[in-house]
N, C-alpha and C. Protein backbone atom coordinates (compact mmCIF):
# COMPACT_ATOMS: atom_id res chain seq x y z
N MET A 1 -167.06 -134.24 -34.19
CA MET A 1 -165.89 -134.54 -32.88
C MET A 1 -167.32 -134.60 -31.85
N LEU A 2 -167.13 -135.78 -30.83
CA LEU A 2 -167.89 -136.14 -30.08
C LEU A 2 -167.57 -135.30 -28.74
N GLU A 3 -168.52 -134.89 -27.92
CA GLU A 3 -168.17 -134.25 -26.66
C GLU A 3 -168.01 -135.48 -25.61
N GLN A 4 -166.88 -135.25 -24.87
CA GLN A 4 -166.51 -136.20 -23.93
C GLN A 4 -167.23 -135.84 -22.79
N GLU A 5 -167.98 -136.68 -22.13
CA GLU A 5 -168.81 -136.58 -20.92
C GLU A 5 -168.24 -136.96 -19.60
N THR A 6 -168.89 -137.42 -18.64
CA THR A 6 -168.34 -137.62 -17.29
C THR A 6 -167.86 -138.79 -17.14
N SER A 7 -167.69 -139.84 -18.20
CA SER A 7 -167.00 -140.94 -18.03
C SER A 7 -165.47 -140.62 -17.74
N ALA A 8 -165.05 -139.47 -18.17
CA ALA A 8 -163.71 -138.97 -17.68
C ALA A 8 -163.39 -138.63 -16.20
N MET A 9 -164.54 -138.45 -15.65
CA MET A 9 -164.70 -137.94 -14.43
C MET A 9 -164.97 -139.02 -13.49
N ARG A 10 -165.22 -140.09 -13.98
CA ARG A 10 -165.62 -141.37 -13.22
C ARG A 10 -164.68 -142.40 -13.67
N PRO A 11 -163.52 -142.58 -13.09
CA PRO A 11 -162.63 -143.70 -13.41
C PRO A 11 -162.89 -144.82 -13.24
N GLN A 12 -163.88 -145.02 -12.28
CA GLN A 12 -164.29 -146.51 -12.04
C GLN A 12 -165.55 -146.88 -12.65
N ALA A 13 -165.85 -145.96 -13.65
CA ALA A 13 -167.32 -146.27 -14.34
C ALA A 13 -167.05 -147.85 -15.21
N THR A 14 -168.04 -148.34 -15.42
CA THR A 14 -168.19 -149.64 -15.97
C THR A 14 -167.95 -149.33 -17.63
N ILE A 15 -167.91 -150.42 -18.33
CA ILE A 15 -167.81 -150.00 -19.95
C ILE A 15 -169.03 -149.47 -20.25
N GLY A 16 -170.41 -149.94 -19.71
CA GLY A 16 -171.78 -149.89 -20.18
C GLY A 16 -172.01 -148.35 -19.53
N GLU A 17 -171.50 -147.98 -18.46
CA GLU A 17 -171.84 -146.55 -17.82
C GLU A 17 -170.97 -145.76 -18.97
N ARG A 18 -169.85 -145.98 -19.28
CA ARG A 18 -169.01 -145.07 -20.17
C ARG A 18 -169.92 -144.87 -21.55
N ILE A 19 -170.28 -146.14 -22.10
CA ILE A 19 -170.87 -145.90 -23.50
C ILE A 19 -172.33 -145.06 -23.12
N LEU A 20 -172.81 -145.39 -22.17
CA LEU A 20 -174.36 -144.54 -21.90
C LEU A 20 -174.03 -142.97 -21.74
N ASP A 21 -172.91 -142.54 -21.08
CA ASP A 21 -172.42 -141.32 -21.05
C ASP A 21 -172.28 -140.78 -22.21
N LEU A 22 -171.53 -141.46 -23.05
CA LEU A 22 -171.13 -140.96 -24.37
C LEU A 22 -172.64 -140.69 -25.28
N VAL A 23 -173.34 -141.66 -25.28
CA VAL A 23 -174.50 -141.59 -25.95
C VAL A 23 -175.43 -140.42 -25.43
N SER A 24 -175.48 -140.35 -24.09
CA SER A 24 -176.28 -139.34 -23.45
C SER A 24 -175.82 -137.94 -23.97
N ALA A 25 -174.68 -137.55 -24.07
CA ALA A 25 -173.76 -136.41 -24.33
C ALA A 25 -173.83 -136.38 -26.00
N ASN A 26 -173.96 -137.23 -26.61
CA ASN A 26 -174.00 -137.26 -28.27
C ASN A 26 -174.87 -138.11 -28.71
N PRO A 27 -176.22 -137.74 -28.55
CA PRO A 27 -177.28 -138.52 -29.18
C PRO A 27 -177.22 -138.71 -30.51
N ASP A 28 -177.68 -140.11 -30.97
CA ASP A 28 -177.48 -140.49 -32.24
C ASP A 28 -175.95 -140.71 -32.92
N CYS A 29 -175.06 -140.80 -31.96
CA CYS A 29 -173.71 -141.16 -32.52
C CYS A 29 -173.49 -142.70 -32.95
N THR A 30 -172.51 -142.65 -33.91
CA THR A 30 -172.42 -144.17 -34.34
C THR A 30 -171.38 -145.05 -33.53
N MET A 31 -171.66 -146.27 -33.95
CA MET A 31 -170.58 -147.03 -33.05
C MET A 31 -169.03 -146.77 -33.42
N ASP A 32 -168.63 -146.41 -34.52
CA ASP A 32 -167.34 -145.88 -34.74
C ASP A 32 -166.98 -144.64 -34.08
N GLU A 33 -168.00 -143.71 -33.88
CA GLU A 33 -167.65 -142.65 -33.00
C GLU A 33 -167.46 -142.87 -31.56
N VAL A 34 -168.36 -143.79 -31.17
CA VAL A 34 -167.85 -144.31 -29.63
C VAL A 34 -166.66 -145.22 -29.46
N MET A 35 -166.34 -145.94 -30.54
CA MET A 35 -164.99 -146.70 -30.38
C MET A 35 -163.86 -145.57 -30.57
N GLN A 36 -163.94 -144.46 -31.10
CA GLN A 36 -163.01 -143.49 -31.16
C GLN A 36 -162.69 -142.91 -29.78
N GLN A 37 -163.97 -142.69 -28.99
CA GLN A 37 -163.73 -142.08 -27.73
C GLN A 37 -163.31 -143.13 -26.61
N LEU A 38 -163.33 -144.37 -27.02
CA LEU A 38 -162.82 -145.78 -26.02
C LEU A 38 -161.74 -146.27 -26.93
N PRO A 39 -160.73 -145.75 -27.12
CA PRO A 39 -159.65 -146.56 -27.78
C PRO A 39 -158.82 -147.43 -26.92
N GLU A 40 -158.92 -147.46 -25.80
CA GLU A 40 -158.37 -148.56 -24.68
C GLU A 40 -159.11 -149.76 -24.76
N LEU A 41 -160.29 -149.81 -25.46
CA LEU A 41 -161.30 -151.05 -25.40
C LEU A 41 -161.25 -151.73 -26.74
N SER A 42 -161.33 -152.73 -26.88
CA SER A 42 -161.53 -153.43 -28.19
C SER A 42 -162.72 -153.30 -28.69
N TRP A 43 -163.01 -153.55 -30.09
CA TRP A 43 -164.28 -153.44 -30.63
C TRP A 43 -165.38 -154.39 -30.23
N SER A 44 -164.72 -155.55 -29.88
CA SER A 44 -165.75 -156.97 -29.37
C SER A 44 -166.09 -156.35 -27.74
N ASP A 45 -165.28 -155.95 -27.11
CA ASP A 45 -165.69 -155.60 -25.82
C ASP A 45 -166.90 -154.49 -25.86
N VAL A 46 -166.79 -153.59 -26.70
CA VAL A 46 -167.76 -152.22 -26.67
C VAL A 46 -169.10 -152.96 -27.52
N PHE A 47 -168.99 -153.68 -28.55
CA PHE A 47 -170.09 -154.25 -28.92
C PHE A 47 -170.83 -155.25 -28.09
N LEU A 48 -170.13 -156.04 -27.55
CA LEU A 48 -170.89 -156.93 -26.54
C LEU A 48 -171.73 -156.17 -25.46
N GLU A 49 -171.15 -155.00 -25.07
CA GLU A 49 -171.82 -154.22 -24.12
C GLU A 49 -172.97 -153.49 -24.67
N VAL A 50 -172.79 -153.14 -25.74
CA VAL A 50 -173.89 -152.13 -26.61
C VAL A 50 -175.08 -153.41 -26.80
N GLU A 51 -174.80 -154.32 -27.19
CA GLU A 51 -175.60 -155.60 -27.19
C GLU A 51 -176.32 -155.99 -26.03
N ARG A 52 -175.56 -155.81 -24.88
CA ARG A 52 -176.09 -156.16 -23.66
C ARG A 52 -177.17 -154.98 -23.14
N LEU A 53 -176.62 -153.81 -23.45
CA LEU A 53 -177.45 -152.53 -23.14
C LEU A 53 -178.80 -152.37 -24.10
N ALA A 54 -178.84 -152.85 -25.23
CA ALA A 54 -179.91 -153.03 -26.11
C ALA A 54 -180.90 -154.00 -25.59
N ARG A 55 -180.32 -155.08 -25.26
CA ARG A 55 -181.37 -156.26 -24.69
C ARG A 55 -181.93 -155.75 -23.33
N ALA A 56 -181.42 -155.17 -22.64
CA ALA A 56 -181.79 -154.53 -21.60
C ALA A 56 -182.73 -153.26 -21.65
N GLY A 57 -182.89 -152.79 -22.73
CA GLY A 57 -183.90 -151.63 -23.11
C GLY A 57 -183.13 -150.41 -22.73
N GLN A 58 -181.85 -150.21 -22.47
CA GLN A 58 -181.09 -148.92 -22.04
C GLN A 58 -180.74 -148.53 -23.37
N LEU A 59 -180.60 -148.98 -24.46
CA LEU A 59 -179.98 -148.50 -25.71
C LEU A 59 -180.85 -148.95 -26.80
N ARG A 60 -180.88 -148.41 -27.99
CA ARG A 60 -181.51 -148.46 -29.07
C ARG A 60 -180.34 -148.82 -30.14
N LEU A 61 -180.23 -149.51 -31.12
CA LEU A 61 -179.49 -149.70 -32.14
C LEU A 61 -180.38 -149.56 -33.45
N ILE A 62 -179.75 -148.58 -34.37
CA ILE A 62 -180.34 -148.23 -35.43
C ILE A 62 -179.54 -148.39 -36.69
N GLN A 63 -179.78 -149.31 -37.53
CA GLN A 63 -179.14 -149.61 -38.88
C GLN A 63 -179.28 -148.42 -39.96
N ASN A 64 -178.43 -147.87 -40.70
CA ASN A 64 -178.76 -147.08 -41.69
C ASN A 64 -179.38 -147.97 -43.03
N SER A 65 -179.96 -147.49 -43.94
CA SER A 65 -180.58 -148.15 -45.03
C SER A 65 -179.47 -148.96 -45.53
N LEU A 66 -178.35 -148.50 -45.76
CA LEU A 66 -177.14 -149.16 -46.59
C LEU A 66 -176.60 -150.22 -45.45
N LEU A 67 -176.95 -150.18 -44.27
CA LEU A 67 -176.34 -151.22 -43.49
C LEU A 67 -174.70 -150.91 -43.25
N LEU A 68 -174.42 -149.62 -43.31
CA LEU A 68 -172.89 -149.11 -43.19
C LEU A 68 -172.50 -148.66 -41.71
N ALA A 69 -173.44 -148.33 -41.16
CA ALA A 69 -173.35 -147.63 -39.86
C ALA A 69 -174.36 -148.14 -38.89
N ILE A 70 -174.03 -148.15 -37.72
CA ILE A 70 -175.15 -148.26 -36.68
C ILE A 70 -175.14 -147.05 -35.69
N THR A 71 -176.26 -146.52 -35.58
CA THR A 71 -176.29 -145.57 -34.87
C THR A 71 -176.85 -145.83 -33.35
N LEU A 72 -176.43 -145.27 -32.28
CA LEU A 72 -176.75 -145.43 -31.00
C LEU A 72 -177.56 -144.46 -30.49
N ARG A 73 -178.91 -144.95 -29.63
CA ARG A 73 -179.69 -143.91 -29.21
C ARG A 73 -180.21 -144.45 -27.87
N LEU A 74 -180.33 -143.68 -26.75
CA LEU A 74 -180.89 -143.91 -25.62
C LEU A 74 -182.11 -144.28 -25.69
N SER A 75 -182.86 -145.46 -24.91
CA SER A 75 -184.11 -145.77 -25.06
C SER A 75 -185.14 -144.97 -23.99
């Protein structure tokens, strides 16, 4: 179970800030775990923001060897 962090205390936080808060509180969490913590958002909205954060160097995407899961890690 993921630990919910400060995004609940920051109702005006952007999607990116909420994702970074979750990954900071739960290092090496998966995309599925992040999605479970952000049920009000669509998968595509979260993925697009994760991709943007990765391109900006704020987040690293790590695929497991079977390509079944994507782990998120702060850069």
